PDB file of N, CA and C in Angstrom:
ATOM      1  N   MET A   1       0.648  64.320  94.272  1.00  0.00           N
ATOM      2  CA  MET A   1       1.176  64.902  95.562  1.00  0.00           C
ATOM      3  C   MET A   1       1.897  63.748  96.305  1.00  0.00           C
ATOM      4  N   ASN A   2       3.029  64.138  96.975  1.00  0.00           N
ATOM      5  CA  ASN A   2       3.638  63.304  97.717  1.00  0.00           C
ATOM      6  C   ASN A   2       2.694  62.765  98.982  1.00  0.00           C
ATOM      7  N   PRO A   3       2.553  61.500  99.320  1.00  0.00           N
ATOM      8  CA  PRO A   3       1.703  61.033 100.401  1.00  0.00           C
ATOM      9  C   PRO A   3       1.963  61.691 101.793  1.00  0.00           C
ATOM     10  N   LEU A   4       3.218  61.771 101.978  1.00  0.00           N
ATOM     11  CA  LEU A   4       3.740  62.482 103.239  1.00  0.00           C
ATOM     12  C   LEU A   4       3.280  63.892 103.386  1.00  0.00           C
ATOM     13  N   ILE A   5       3.402  64.661 102.267  1.00  0.00           N
ATOM     14  CA  ILE A   5       2.882  66.078 102.252  1.00  0.00           C
ATOM     15  C   ILE A   5       1.335  66.075 102.447  1.00  0.00           C
ATOM     16  N   LYS A   6       0.635  65.255 101.739  1.00  0.00           N
ATOM     17  CA  LYS A   6      -0.864  65.108 101.847  1.00  0.00           C
ATOM     18  C   LYS A   6      -1.176  64.893 103.254  1.00  0.00           C
ATOM     19  N   ASP A   7      -0.489  63.894 103.897  1.00  0.00           N
ATOM     20  CA  ASP A   7      -0.797  63.542 105.310  1.00  0.00           C
ATOM     21  C   ASP A   7      -0.726  64.740 106.270  1.00  0.00           C
ATOM     22  N   ILE A   8       0.429  65.358 106.151  1.00  0.00           N
ATOM     23  CA  ILE A   8       0.670  66.622 107.004  1.00  0.00           C
ATOM     24  C   ILE A   8      -0.260  67.686 106.705  1.00  0.00           C
ATOM     25  N   SER A   9      -0.688  67.915 105.377  1.00  0.00           N
ATOM     26  CA  SER A   9      -1.658  68.942 105.077  1.00  0.00           C
ATOM     27  C   SER A   9      -3.003  68.574 105.767  1.00  0.00           C
ATOM     28  N   MET A  10      -3.361  67.362 105.718  1.00  0.00           N
ATOM     29  CA  MET A  10      -4.563  66.836 106.320  1.00  0.00           C
ATOM     30  C   MET A  10      -4.636  67.114 107.744  1.00  0.00           C
ATOM     31  N   LYS A  11      -3.489  66.802 108.353  1.00  0.00           N
ATOM     32  CA  LYS A  11      -3.409  66.988 109.863  1.00  0.00           C
ATOM     33  C   LYS A  11      -3.502  68.401 110.286  1.00  0.00           C
ATOM     34  N   MET A  12      -2.808  69.270 109.434  1.00  0.00           N
ATOM     35  CA  MET A  12      -2.891  70.702 109.713  1.00  0.00           C
ATOM     36  C   MET A  12      -4.278  71.185 109.640  1.00  0.00           C
ATOM     37  N   ASN A  13      -4.912  70.848 108.613  1.00  0.00           N
ATOM     38  CA  ASN A  13      -6.377  71.169 108.393  1.00  0.00           C
ATOM     39  C   ASN A  13      -7.248  70.729 109.554  1.00  0.00           C
ATOM     40  N   LEU A  14      -6.955  69.462 109.925  1.00  0.00           N
ATOM     41  CA  LEU A  14      -7.807  68.976 111.206  1.00  0.00           C
ATOM     42  C   LEU A  14      -7.469  69.800 112.464  1.00  0.00           C
ATOM     43  N   LYS A  15      -6.342  70.179 112.698  1.00  0.00           N
ATOM     44  CA  LYS A  15      -5.888  71.027 113.798  1.00  0.00           C
ATOM     45  C   LYS A  15      -6.587  72.360 113.654  1.00  0.00           C
ATOM     46  N   ASP A  16      -6.417  72.932 112.582  1.00  0.00           N
ATOM     47  CA  ASP A  16      -7.100  74.277 112.303  1.00  0.00           C
ATOM     48  C   ASP A  16      -8.524  74.323 112.660  1.00  0.00           C
ATOM     49  N   ARG A  17      -9.293  73.176 112.210  1.00  0.00           N
ATOM     50  CA  ARG A  17     -10.697  73.034 112.444  1.00  0.00           C
ATOM     51  C   ARG A  17     -10.944  72.811 113.877  1.00  0.00           C
ATOM     52  N   GLU A  18     -10.150  72.056 114.550  1.00  0.00           N
ATOM     53  CA  GLU A  18     -10.300  71.863 116.025  1.00  0.00           C
ATOM     54  C   GLU A  18     -10.135  73.096 116.800  1.00  0.00           C
ATOM     55  N   GLY A  19      -9.159  73.817 116.509  1.00  0.00           N
ATOM     56  CA  GLY A  19      -8.894  75.127 117.042  1.00  0.00           C
ATOM     57  C   GLY A  19     -10.039  76.145 116.855  1.00  0.00           C
ATOM     58  N   ARG A  20     -10.543  76.110 115.614  1.00  0.00           N
ATOM     59  CA  ARG A  20     -11.670  76.972 115.252  1.00  0.00           C
ATOM     60  C   ARG A  20     -12.865  76.653 116.048  1.00  0.00           C
ATOM     61  N   ASP A  21     -13.137  75.291 116.104  1.00  0.00           N
ATOM     62  CA  ASP A  21     -14.311  74.896 116.767  1.00  0.00           C
ATOM     63  C   ASP A  21     -14.302  75.128 118.371  1.00  0.00           C
ATOM     64  N   ILE A  22     -13.051  75.086 118.909  1.00  0.00           N
ATOM     65  CA  ILE A  22     -12.973  75.438 120.301  1.00  0.00           C
ATOM     66  C   ILE A  22     -13.226  76.888 120.522  1.00  0.00           C
ATOM     67  N   GLN A  23     -12.732  77.633 119.532  1.00  0.00           N
ATOM     68  CA  GLN A  23     -12.955  79.224 119.644  1.00  0.00           C
ATOM     69  C   GLN A  23     -14.478  79.510 119.497  1.00  0.00           C
ATOM     70  N   TYR A  24     -15.157  78.804 118.699  1.00  0.00           N
ATOM     71  CA  TYR A  24     -16.639  79.036 118.583  1.00  0.00           C
ATOM     72  C   TYR A  24     -17.287  78.668 119.786  1.00  0.00           C
ATOM     73  N   GLU A  25     -16.947  77.498 120.402  1.00  0.00           N
ATOM     74  CA  GLU A  25     -17.548  77.010 121.727  1.00  0.00           C
ATOM     75  C   GLU A  25     -17.336  78.010 122.703  1.00  0.00           C
ATOM     76  N   ARG A  26     -16.161  78.683 122.874  1.00  0.00           N
ATOM     77  CA  ARG A  26     -15.839  79.737 123.793  1.00  0.00           C
ATOM     78  C   ARG A  26     -16.761  80.897 123.558  1.00  0.00           C
ATOM     79  N   ILE A  27     -16.891  81.260 122.407  1.00  0.00           N
ATOM     80  CA  ILE A  27     -17.676  82.470 122.018  1.00  0.00           C
ATOM     81  C   ILE A  27     -19.280  82.177 122.278  1.00  0.00           C
ATOM     82  N   THR A  28     -19.640  81.042 121.895  1.00  0.00           N
ATOM     83  CA  THR A  28     -21.009  80.705 122.220  1.00  0.00           C
ATOM     84  C   THR A  28     -21.383  80.656 123.584  1.00  0.00           C
ATOM     85  N   GLU A  29     -20.534  79.985 124.428  1.00  0.00           N
ATOM     86  CA  GLU A  29     -20.734  80.081 125.848  1.00  0.00           C
ATOM     87  C   GLU A  29     -20.585  81.466 126.529  1.00  0.00           C
ATOM     88  N   SER A  30     -19.693  82.291 125.987  1.00  0.00           N
ATOM     89  CA  SER A  30     -19.624  83.632 126.494  1.00  0.00           C
ATOM     90  C   SER A  30     -20.837  84.349 126.280  1.00  0.00           C
ATOM     91  N   ILE A  31     -21.442  84.226 125.006  1.00  0.00           N
ATOM     92  CA  ILE A  31     -22.656  84.903 124.687  1.00  0.00           C
ATOM     93  C   ILE A  31     -23.859  84.386 125.466  1.00  0.00           C
ATOM     94  N   ARG A  32     -23.920  83.053 125.730  1.00  0.00           N
ATOM     95  CA  ARG A  32     -24.950  82.446 126.572  1.00  0.00           C
ATOM     96  C   ARG A  32     -24.824  82.992 127.981  1.00  0.00           C
ATOM     97  N   LYS A  33     -23.687  83.119 128.560  1.00  0.00           N
ATOM     98  CA  LYS A  33     -23.635  83.606 129.966  1.00  0.00           C
ATOM     99  C   LYS A  33     -24.094  85.111 129.971  1.00  0.00           C
ATOM    100  N   THR A  34     -23.631  85.857 129.026  1.00  0.00           N
ATOM    101  CA  THR A  34     -23.900  87.212 128.938  1.00  0.00           C
ATOM    102  C   THR A  34     -25.441  87.497 128.740  1.00  0.00           C
ATOM    103  N   LEU A  35     -26.019  86.702 127.871  1.00  0.00           N
ATOM    104  CA  LEU A  35     -27.516  86.900 127.713  1.00  0.00           C
ATOM    105  C   LEU A  35     -28.307  86.294 128.924  1.00  0.00           C
ATOM    106  N   THR A  36     -27.808  85.279 129.559  1.00  0.00           N
ATOM    107  CA  THR A  36     -28.475  84.770 130.692  1.00  0.00           C
ATOM    108  C   THR A  36     -28.470  85.738 131.878  1.00  0.00           C
ATOM    109  N   PHE A  37     -27.296  86.476 132.003  1.00  0.00           N
ATOM    110  CA  PHE A  37     -27.371  87.604 133.032  1.00  0.00           C
ATOM    111  C   PHE A  37     -28.340  88.579 132.642  1.00  0.00           C
ATOM    112  N   TRP A  38     -28.461  88.938 131.367  1.00  0.00           N
ATOM    113  CA  TRP A  38     -29.419  90.069 130.972  1.00  0.00           C
ATOM    114  C   TRP A  38     -30.845  89.530 131.112  1.00  0.00           C
ATOM    115  N   LYS A  39     -31.012  88.260 130.981  1.00  0.00           N
ATOM    116  CA  LYS A  39     -32.362  87.603 130.977  1.00  0.00           C
ATOM    117  C   LYS A  39     -33.018  87.885 132.337  1.00  0.00           C
ATOM    118  N   ARG A  40     -32.236  87.806 133.399  1.00  0.00           N
ATOM    119  CA  ARG A  40     -32.816  88.026 134.785  1.00  0.00           C
ATOM    120  C   ARG A  40     -33.283  89.472 134.950  1.00  0.00           C
ATOM    121  N   ARG A  41     -32.947  90.329 134.108  1.00  0.00           N
ATOM    122  CA  ARG A  41     -33.360  91.740 134.316  1.00  0.00           C
ATOM    123  C   ARG A  41     -34.783  92.129 133.945  1.00  0.00           C
ATOM    124  N   LYS A  42     -35.506  91.113 133.354  1.00  0.00           N
ATOM    125  CA  LYS A  42     -36.940  91.363 133.012  1.00  0.00           C
ATOM    126  C   LYS A  42     -37.133  92.562 132.101  1.00  0.00           C
ATOM    127  N   LEU A  43     -36.297  92.690 131.060  1.00  0.00           N
ATOM    128  CA  LEU A  43     -36.321  93.783 130.091  1.00  0.00           C
ATOM    129  C   LEU A  43     -37.512  93.558 129.148  1.00  0.00           C
ATOM    130  N   LYS A  44     -38.028  94.579 128.628  1.00  0.00           N
ATOM    131  CA  LYS A  44     -39.046  94.558 127.581  1.00  0.00           C
ATOM    132  C   LYS A  44     -38.370  94.186 126.306  1.00  0.00           C
ATOM    133  N   LEU A  45     -39.059  93.789 125.300  1.00  0.00           N
ATOM    134  CA  LEU A  45     -38.567  93.254 124.085  1.00  0.00           C
ATOM    135  C   LEU A  45     -37.434  94.248 123.403  1.00  0.00           C
ATOM    136  N   ARG A  46     -37.822  95.530 123.396  1.00  0.00           N
ATOM    137  CA  ARG A  46     -36.962  96.464 122.838  1.00  0.00           C
ATOM    138  C   ARG A  46     -35.631  96.592 123.679  1.00  0.00           C
ATOM    139  N   GLY A  47     -35.673  96.503 124.838  1.00  0.00           N
ATOM    140  CA  GLY A  47     -34.460  96.517 125.630  1.00  0.00           C
ATOM    141  C   GLY A  47     -33.539  95.295 125.354  1.00  0.00           C
ATOM    142  N   LYS A  48     -34.217  94.153 125.186  1.00  0.00           N
ATOM    143  CA  LYS A  48     -33.502  92.892 124.935  1.00  0.00           C
ATOM    144  C   LYS A  48     -32.767  92.949 123.556  1.00  0.00           C
ATOM    145  N   ILE A  49     -33.485  93.596 122.735  1.00  0.00           N
ATOM    146  CA  ILE A  49     -32.919  93.741 121.293  1.00  0.00           C
ATOM    147  C   ILE A  49     -31.752  94.653 121.299  1.00  0.00           C
ATOM    148  N   ILE A  50     -31.770  95.729 122.115  1.00  0.00           N
ATOM    149  CA  ILE A  50     -30.642  96.581 122.296  1.00  0.00           C
ATOM    150  C   ILE A  50     -29.417  95.826 122.966  1.00  0.00           C
ATOM    151  N   VAL A  51     -29.686  95.057 123.933  1.00  0.00           N
ATOM    152  CA  VAL A  51     -28.594  94.165 124.523  1.00  0.00           C
ATOM    153  C   VAL A  51     -27.985  93.221 123.506  1.00  0.00           C
ATOM    154  N   VAL A  52     -28.927  92.627 122.824  1.00  0.00           N
ATOM    155  CA  VAL A  52     -28.369  91.604 121.620  1.00  0.00           C
ATOM    156  C   VAL A  52     -27.504  92.426 120.708  1.00  0.00           C
ATOM    157  N   ASN A  53     -28.115  93.537 120.158  1.00  0.00           N
ATOM    158  CA  ASN A  53     -27.385  94.196 119.223  1.00  0.00           C
ATOM    159  C   ASN A  53     -26.067  94.748 119.641  1.00  0.00           C
ATOM    160  N   GLY A  54     -25.978  95.228 120.769  1.00  0.00           N
ATOM    161  CA  GLY A  54     -24.816  95.871 121.394  1.00  0.00           C
ATOM    162  C   GLY A  54     -23.823  94.918 121.831  1.00  0.00           C
ATOM    163  N   LEU A  55     -24.225  94.032 122.772  1.00  0.00           N
ATOM    164  CA  LEU A  55     -23.278  93.044 123.384  1.00  0.00           C
ATOM    165  C   LEU A  55     -22.834  91.889 122.536  1.00  0.00           C
ATOM    166  N   LEU A  56     -23.861  91.463 121.675  1.00  0.00           N
ATOM    167  CA  LEU A  56     -23.604  90.204 120.910  1.00  0.00           C
ATOM    168  C   LEU A  56     -22.589  90.657 119.798  1.00  0.00           C
ATOM    169  N   MET A  57     -22.932  91.745 119.128  1.00  0.00           N
ATOM    170  CA  MET A  57     -22.118  92.154 118.057  1.00  0.00           C
ATOM    171  C   MET A  57     -20.652  92.507 118.493  1.00  0.00           C
ATOM    172  N   SER A  58     -20.460  93.065 119.694  1.00  0.00           N
ATOM    173  CA  SER A  58     -19.181  93.333 120.284  1.00  0.00           C
ATOM    174  C   SER A  58     -18.353  92.029 120.475  1.00  0.00           C
ATOM    175  N   LYS A  59     -18.988  90.904 120.722  1.00  0.00           N
ATOM    176  CA  LYS A  59     -18.238  89.639 120.805  1.00  0.00           C
ATOM    177  C   LYS A  59     -18.058  88.955 119.505  1.00  0.00           C
ATOM    178  N   LEU A  60     -18.859  89.188 118.555  1.00  0.00           N
ATOM    179  CA  LEU A  60     -18.908  88.557 117.259  1.00  0.00           C
ATOM    180  C   LEU A  60     -18.151  89.220 116.215  1.00  0.00           C
ATOM    181  N   ILE A  61     -17.999  90.595 116.211  1.00  0.00           N
ATOM    182  CA  ILE A  61     -17.596  91.265 115.027  1.00  0.00           C
ATOM    183  C   ILE A  61     -16.062  90.809 114.715  1.00  0.00           C
ATOM    184  N   TYR A  62     -15.268  90.730 115.749  1.00  0.00           N
ATOM    185  CA  TYR A  62     -13.767  90.435 115.451  1.00  0.00           C
ATOM    186  C   TYR A  62     -13.772  88.927 114.855  1.00  0.00           C
ATOM    187  N   VAL A  63     -14.523  88.037 115.330  1.00  0.00           N
ATOM    188  CA  VAL A  63     -14.533  86.808 115.008  1.00  0.00           C
ATOM    189  C   VAL A  63     -15.046  86.510 113.520  1.00  0.00           C
ATOM    190  N   LEU A  64     -16.089  87.401 113.144  1.00  0.00           N
ATOM    191  CA  LEU A  64     -16.586  87.464 111.850  1.00  0.00           C
ATOM    192  C   LEU A  64     -15.612  88.002 110.827  1.00  0.00           C
ATOM    193  N   ASN A  65     -14.714  88.875 111.237  1.00  0.00           N
ATOM    194  CA  ASN A  65     -13.621  89.376 110.424  1.00  0.00           C
ATOM    195  C   ASN A  65     -12.524  88.361 110.161  1.00  0.00           C
ATOM    196  N   VAL A  66     -12.152  87.567 111.174  1.00  0.00           N
ATOM    197  CA  VAL A  66     -11.005  86.713 111.111  1.00  0.00           C
ATOM    198  C   VAL A  66     -11.372  85.300 110.712  1.00  0.00           C
ATOM    199  N   LEU A  67     -12.444  84.733 111.260  1.00  0.00           N
ATOM    200  CA  LEU A  67     -12.765  83.377 110.876  1.00  0.00           C
ATOM    201  C   LEU A  67     -14.038  83.270 110.112  1.00  0.00           C
ATOM    202  N   ASP A  68     -14.255  82.148 109.414  1.00  0.00           N
ATOM    203  CA  ASP A  68     -15.328  81.842 108.696  1.00  0.00           C
ATOM    204  C   ASP A  68     -16.184  81.088 109.681  1.00  0.00           C
ATOM    205  N   VAL A  69     -17.471  81.720 110.116  1.00  0.00           N
ATOM    206  CA  VAL A  69     -18.356  81.117 111.017  1.00  0.00           C
ATOM    207  C   VAL A  69     -19.294  80.155 110.369  1.00  0.00           C
ATOM    208  N   PRO A  70     -19.273  78.950 110.851  1.00  0.00           N
ATOM    209  CA  PRO A  70     -20.118  77.902 110.156  1.00  0.00           C
ATOM    210  C   PRO A  70     -21.540  78.191 110.471  1.00  0.00           C
ATOM    211  N   GLU A  71     -22.466  77.667 109.648  1.00  0.00           N
ATOM    212  CA  GLU A  71     -23.941  77.863 109.701  1.00  0.00           C
ATOM    213  C   GLU A  71     -24.381  77.248 111.156  1.00  0.00           C
ATOM    214  N   ARG A  72     -23.852  76.207 111.560  1.00  0.00           N
ATOM    215  CA  ARG A  72     -24.371  75.532 112.746  1.00  0.00           C
ATOM    216  C   ARG A  72     -24.120  76.447 113.972  1.00  0.00           C
ATOM    217  N   VAL A  73     -23.036  77.239 113.945  1.00  0.00           N
ATOM    218  CA  VAL A  73     -22.744  78.189 114.990  1.00  0.00           C
ATOM    219  C   VAL A  73     -23.731  79.372 115.107  1.00  0.00           C
ATOM    220  N   LEU A  74     -23.916  79.887 113.866  1.00  0.00           N
ATOM    221  CA  LEU A  74     -25.031  80.967 113.780  1.00  0.00           C
ATOM    222  C   LEU A  74     -26.419  80.519 114.202  1.00  0.00           C
ATOM    223  N   LYS A  75     -26.718  79.232 113.981  1.00  0.00           N
ATOM    224  CA  LYS A  75     -28.034  78.619 114.329  1.00  0.00           C
ATOM    225  C   LYS A  75     -28.141  78.536 115.925  1.00  0.00           C
ATOM    226  N   GLU A  76     -26.902  78.150 116.412  1.00  0.00           N
ATOM    227  CA  GLU A  76     -26.870  77.934 117.926  1.00  0.00           C
ATOM    228  C   GLU A  76     -26.974  79.389 118.524  1.00  0.00           C
ATOM    229  N   ILE A  77     -26.273  80.373 118.024  1.00  0.00           N
ATOM    230  CA  ILE A  77     -26.422  81.736 118.545  1.00  0.00           C
ATOM    231  C   ILE A  77     -27.882  82.315 118.403  1.00  0.00           C
ATOM    232  N   ASP A  78     -28.414  81.992 117.244  1.00  0.00           N
ATOM    233  CA  ASP A  78     -29.816  82.413 117.064  1.00  0.00           C
ATOM    234  C   ASP A  78     -30.844  81.767 118.018  1.00  0.00           C
ATOM    235  N   LYS A  79     -30.484  80.612 118.299  1.00  0.00           N
ATOM    236  CA  LYS A  79     -31.291  79.852 119.298  1.00  0.00           C
ATOM    237  C   LYS A  79     -31.239  80.551 120.671  1.00  0.00           C
ATOM    238  N   ILE A  80     -29.972  80.884 121.053  1.00  0.00           N
ATOM    239  CA  ILE A  80     -29.722  81.584 122.364  1.00  0.00           C
ATOM    240  C   ILE A  80     -30.372  82.896 122.380  1.00  0.00           C
ATOM    241  N   ILE A  81     -30.358  83.661 121.242  1.00  0.00           N
ATOM    242  CA  ILE A  81     -31.123  84.936 121.133  1.00  0.00           C
ATOM    243  C   ILE A  81     -32.521  84.829 121.321  1.00  0.00           C
ATOM    244  N   SER A  82     -33.006  83.785 120.656  1.00  0.00           N
ATOM    245  CA  SER A  82     -34.541  83.567 120.672  1.00  0.00           C
ATOM    246  C   SER A  82     -34.983  83.170 122.101  1.00  0.00           C
ATOM    247  N   GLU A  83     -34.194  82.382 122.827  1.00  0.00           N
ATOM    248  CA  GLU A  83     -34.477  82.194 124.244  1.00  0.00           C
ATOM    249  C   GLU A  83     -34.569  83.416 125.087  1.00  0.00           C
ATOM    250  N   LEU A  84     -33.741  84.261 124.903  1.00  0.00           N
ATOM    251  CA  LEU A  84     -33.576  85.597 125.547  1.00  0.00           C
ATOM    252  C   LEU A  84     -34.873  86.392 125.165  1.00  0.00           C
ATOM    253  N   LEU A  85     -35.136  86.577 123.928  1.00  0.00           N
ATOM    254  CA  LEU A  85     -36.283  87.413 123.484  1.00  0.00           C
ATOM    255  C   LEU A  85     -37.587  86.960 123.864  1.00  0.00           C
ATOM    256  N   TRP A  86     -37.741  85.697 123.916  1.00  0.00           N
ATOM    257  CA  TRP A  86     -39.116  85.147 124.213  1.00  0.00           C
ATOM    258  C   TRP A  86     -39.198  84.380 125.488  1.00  0.00           C
ATOM    259  N   ASP A  87     -38.187  84.489 126.292  1.00  0.00           N
ATOM    260  CA  ASP A  87     -38.040  83.763 127.639  1.00  0.00           C
ATOM    261  C   ASP A  87     -38.513  82.351 127.540  1.00  0.00           C
ATOM    262  N   GLY A  88     -38.002  81.698 126.453  1.00  0.00           N
ATOM    263  CA  GLY A  88     -38.237  80.231 126.219  1.00  0.00           C
ATOM    264  C   GLY A  88     -39.666  79.879 125.879  1.00  0.00           C
ATOM    265  N   ARG A  89     -40.553  80.750 125.672  1.00  0.00           N
ATOM    266  CA  ARG A  89     -42.006  80.478 125.481  1.00  0.00           C
ATOM    267  C   ARG A  89     -42.431  80.418 124.050  1.00  0.00           C
ATOM    268  N   GLY A  90     -41.613  80.385 123.134  1.00  0.00           N
ATOM    269  CA  GLY A  90     -41.938  80.346 121.721  1.00  0.00           C
ATOM    270  C   GLY A  90     -41.925  81.557 121.084  1.00  0.00           C
ATOM    271  N   VAL A  91     -41.754  81.683 119.773  1.00  0.00           N
ATOM    272  CA  VAL A  91     -41.636  82.934 119.085  1.00  0.00           C
ATOM    273  C   VAL A  91     -42.984  83.616 118.933  1.00  0.00           C
ATOM    274  N   LYS A  92     -43.050  84.960 119.192  1.00  0.00           N
ATOM    275  CA  LYS A  92     -44.351  85.636 119.039  1.00  0.00           C
ATOM    276  C   LYS A  92     -44.381  86.578 117.860  1.00  0.00           C
ATOM    277  N   ILE A  93     -43.246  86.984 117.511  1.00  0.00           N
ATOM    278  CA  ILE A  93     -43.117  87.806 116.372  1.00  0.00           C
ATOM    279  C   ILE A  93     -42.024  87.275 115.354  1.00  0.00           C
ATOM    280  N   ALA A  94     -42.367  87.222 114.068  1.00  0.00           N
ATOM    281  CA  ALA A  94     -41.282  86.649 113.146  1.00  0.00           C
ATOM    282  C   ALA A  94     -40.016  87.499 113.158  1.00  0.00           C
ATOM    283  N   LYS A  95     -38.913  86.792 113.200  1.00  0.00           N
ATOM    284  CA  LYS A  95     -37.608  87.444 113.204  1.00  0.00           C
ATOM    285  C   LYS A  95     -37.377  88.378 112.185  1.00  0.00           C
ATOM    286  N   GLU A  96     -37.986  87.986 110.972  1.00  0.00           N
ATOM    287  CA  GLU A  96     -37.784  88.939 109.893  1.00  0.00           C
ATOM    288  C   GLU A  96     -38.455  90.347 110.073  1.00  0.00           C
ATOM    289  N   VAL A  97     -39.532  90.291 110.757  1.00  0.00           N
ATOM    290  CA  VAL A  97     -40.300  91.435 111.128  1.00  0.00           C
ATOM    291  C   VAL A  97     -39.447  92.294 112.183  1.00  0.00           C
ATOM    292  N   LEU A  98     -38.852  91.574 113.171  1.00  0.00           N
ATOM    293  CA  LEU A  98     -38.002  92.244 114.235  1.00  0.00           C
ATOM    294  C   LEU A  98     -36.839  92.933 113.569  1.00  0.00           C
ATOM    295  N   GLU A  99     -36.301  92.335 112.420  1.00  0.00           N
ATOM    296  CA  GLU A  99     -35.104  92.894 111.850  1.00  0.00           C
ATOM    297  C   GLU A  99     -35.423  94.108 110.972  1.00  0.00           C
ATOM    298  N   ASN A 100     -36.785  94.304 110.748  1.00  0.00           N
ATOM    299  CA  ASN A 100     -37.047  95.633 109.894  1.00  0.00           C
ATOM    300  C   ASN A 100     -36.846  96.805 110.782  1.00  0.00           C
ATOM    301  N   GLY A 101     -36.772  97.966 110.029  1.00  0.00           N
ATOM    302  CA  GLY A 101     -36.574  99.260 110.812  1.00  0.00           C
ATOM    303  C   GLY A 101     -37.833  99.651 111.524  1.00  0.00           C
ATOM    304  N   TYR A 102     -37.686 100.702 112.298  1.00  0.00           N
ATOM    305  CA  TYR A 102     -38.893 101.160 113.105  1.00  0.00           C
ATOM    306  C   TYR A 102     -39.988 101.544 112.260  1.00  0.00           C
ATOM    307  N   LYS A 103     -39.723 102.274 111.092  1.00  0.00           N
ATOM    308  CA  LYS A 103     -40.822 102.601 110.248  1.00  0.00           C
ATOM    309  C   LYS A 103     -41.645 101.491 109.745  1.00  0.00           C
ATOM    310  N   ASP A 104     -40.876 100.319 109.521  1.00  0.00           N
ATOM    311  CA  ASP A 104     -41.524  99.163 108.934  1.00  0.00           C
ATOM    312  C   ASP A 104     -42.167  98.194 109.892  1.00  0.00           C
ATOM    313  N   GLY A 105     -42.134  98.709 111.232  1.00  0.00           N
ATOM    314  CA  GLY A 105     -42.806  97.868 112.270  1.00  0.00           C
ATOM    315  C   GLY A 105     -41.799  97.045 112.937  1.00  0.00           C
ATOM    316  N   GLY A 106     -40.544  97.143 112.794  1.00  0.00           N
ATOM    317  CA  GLY A 106     -39.551  96.220 113.349  1.00  0.00           C
ATOM    318  C   GLY A 106     -38.811  96.956 114.566  1.00  0.00           C
ATOM    319  N   LEU A 107     -37.832  96.279 115.058  1.00  0.00           N
ATOM    320  CA  LEU A 107     -36.915  96.784 116.090  1.00  0.00           C
ATOM    321  C   LEU A 107     -35.460  96.804 115.841  1.00  0.00           C
ATOM    322  N   LYS A 108     -35.186  96.684 114.501  1.00  0.00           N
ATOM    323  CA  LYS A 108     -33.707  96.664 114.056  1.00  0.00           C
ATOM    324  C   LYS A 108     -32.842  95.653 114.613  1.00  0.00           C
ATOM    325  N   LEU A 109     -33.447  94.458 114.890  1.00  0.00           N
ATOM    326  CA  LEU A 109     -32.556  93.301 115.331  1.00  0.00           C
ATOM    327  C   LEU A 109     -31.592  92.924 114.213  1.00  0.00           C
ATOM    328  N   ILE A 110     -30.369  92.775 114.695  1.00  0.00           N
ATOM    329  CA  ILE A 110     -29.310  92.555 113.645  1.00  0.00           C
ATOM    330  C   ILE A 110     -29.424  91.034 113.189  1.00  0.00           C
ATOM    331  N   ASN A 111     -29.331  90.897 111.864  1.00  0.00           N
ATOM    332  CA  ASN A 111     -29.397  89.602 111.221  1.00  0.00           C
ATOM    333  C   ASN A 111     -28.020  89.134 111.131  1.00  0.00           C
ATOM    334  N   LEU A 112     -27.656  88.068 111.851  1.00  0.00           N
ATOM    335  CA  LEU A 112     -26.279  87.543 111.931  1.00  0.00           C
ATOM    336  C   LEU A 112     -25.834  87.071 110.657  1.00  0.00           C
ATOM    337  N   ASP A 113     -26.687  86.314 109.863  1.00  0.00           N
ATOM    338  CA  ASP A 113     -26.210  85.910 108.544  1.00  0.00           C
ATOM    339  C   ASP A 113     -25.873  86.928 107.562  1.00  0.00           C
ATOM    340  N   ARG A 114     -26.723  87.980 107.592  1.00  0.00           N
ATOM    341  CA  ARG A 114     -26.453  89.156 106.740  1.00  0.00           C
ATOM    342  C   ARG A 114     -25.204  89.799 107.073  1.00  0.00           C
ATOM    343  N   LYS A 115     -25.007  89.991 108.386  1.00  0.00           N
ATOM    344  CA  LYS A 115     -23.843  90.595 108.823  1.00  0.00           C
ATOM    345  C   LYS A 115     -22.543  89.910 108.607  1.00  0.00           C
ATOM    346  N   ARG A 116     -22.612  88.588 108.631  1.00  0.00           N
ATOM    347  CA  ARG A 116     -21.519  87.669 108.318  1.00  0.00           C
ATOM    348  C   ARG A 116     -21.133  87.901 106.901  1.00  0.00           C
ATOM    349  N   LYS A 117     -22.111  87.924 106.073  1.00  0.00           N
ATOM    350  CA  LYS A 117     -21.886  88.056 104.541  1.00  0.00           C
ATOM    351  C   LYS A 117     -21.190  89.475 104.213  1.00  0.00           C
ATOM    352  N   HIS A 118     -21.837  90.457 104.944  1.00  0.00           N
ATOM    353  CA  HIS A 118     -21.312  91.821 104.754  1.00  0.00           C
ATOM    354  C   HIS A 118     -19.919  92.009 105.105  1.00  0.00           C
ATOM    355  N   VAL A 119     -19.537  91.525 106.301  1.00  0.00           N
ATOM    356  CA  VAL A 119     -18.192  91.588 106.879  1.00  0.00           C
ATOM    357  C   VAL A 119     -17.284  90.748 106.025  1.00  0.00           C
ATOM    358  N   GLY A 120     -17.739  89.644 105.532  1.00  0.00           N
ATOM    359  CA  GLY A 120     -16.825  88.757 104.790  1.00  0.00           C
ATOM    360  C   GLY A 120     -16.582  89.284 103.415  1.00  0.00           C
ATOM    361  N   SER A 121     -17.463  90.228 102.932  1.00  0.00           N
ATOM    362  CA  SER A 121     -17.288  90.800 101.581  1.00  0.00           C
ATOM    363  C   SER A 121     -16.333  91.910 101.536  1.00  0.00           C
ATOM    364  N   ARG A 122     -15.868  92.373 102.608  1.00  0.00           N
ATOM    365  CA  ARG A 122     -14.941  93.555 102.600  1.00  0.00           C
ATOM    366  C   ARG A 122     -13.602  93.197 102.156  1.00  0.00           C
TER     367      ARG A 122
END
């Protein structure tokens, strides 16, 4: 490969990654602000999960369709969600249990990683 073309290709990839990272930072900050607003409402756990499933997914679904979301971003968002659900006091119910349906003792919390894989497979 021509060194000039290789250099241009590497620069384009770097700019693409920088733009993608900026987009993720904006989305993460938007989610943080939204959930901080709802945190002040003193909702019960079920209400918090409804907020997460409704508002969070509306902010992320487009991004999941268009961009490949890195694992670190999903972990950051999971951390933000956990802070909302447990008021920063530590996890009281395993996330996997909360993701179960009502009949299985859960509250249908959306699993971001599973959702990402589902959206990406279309």
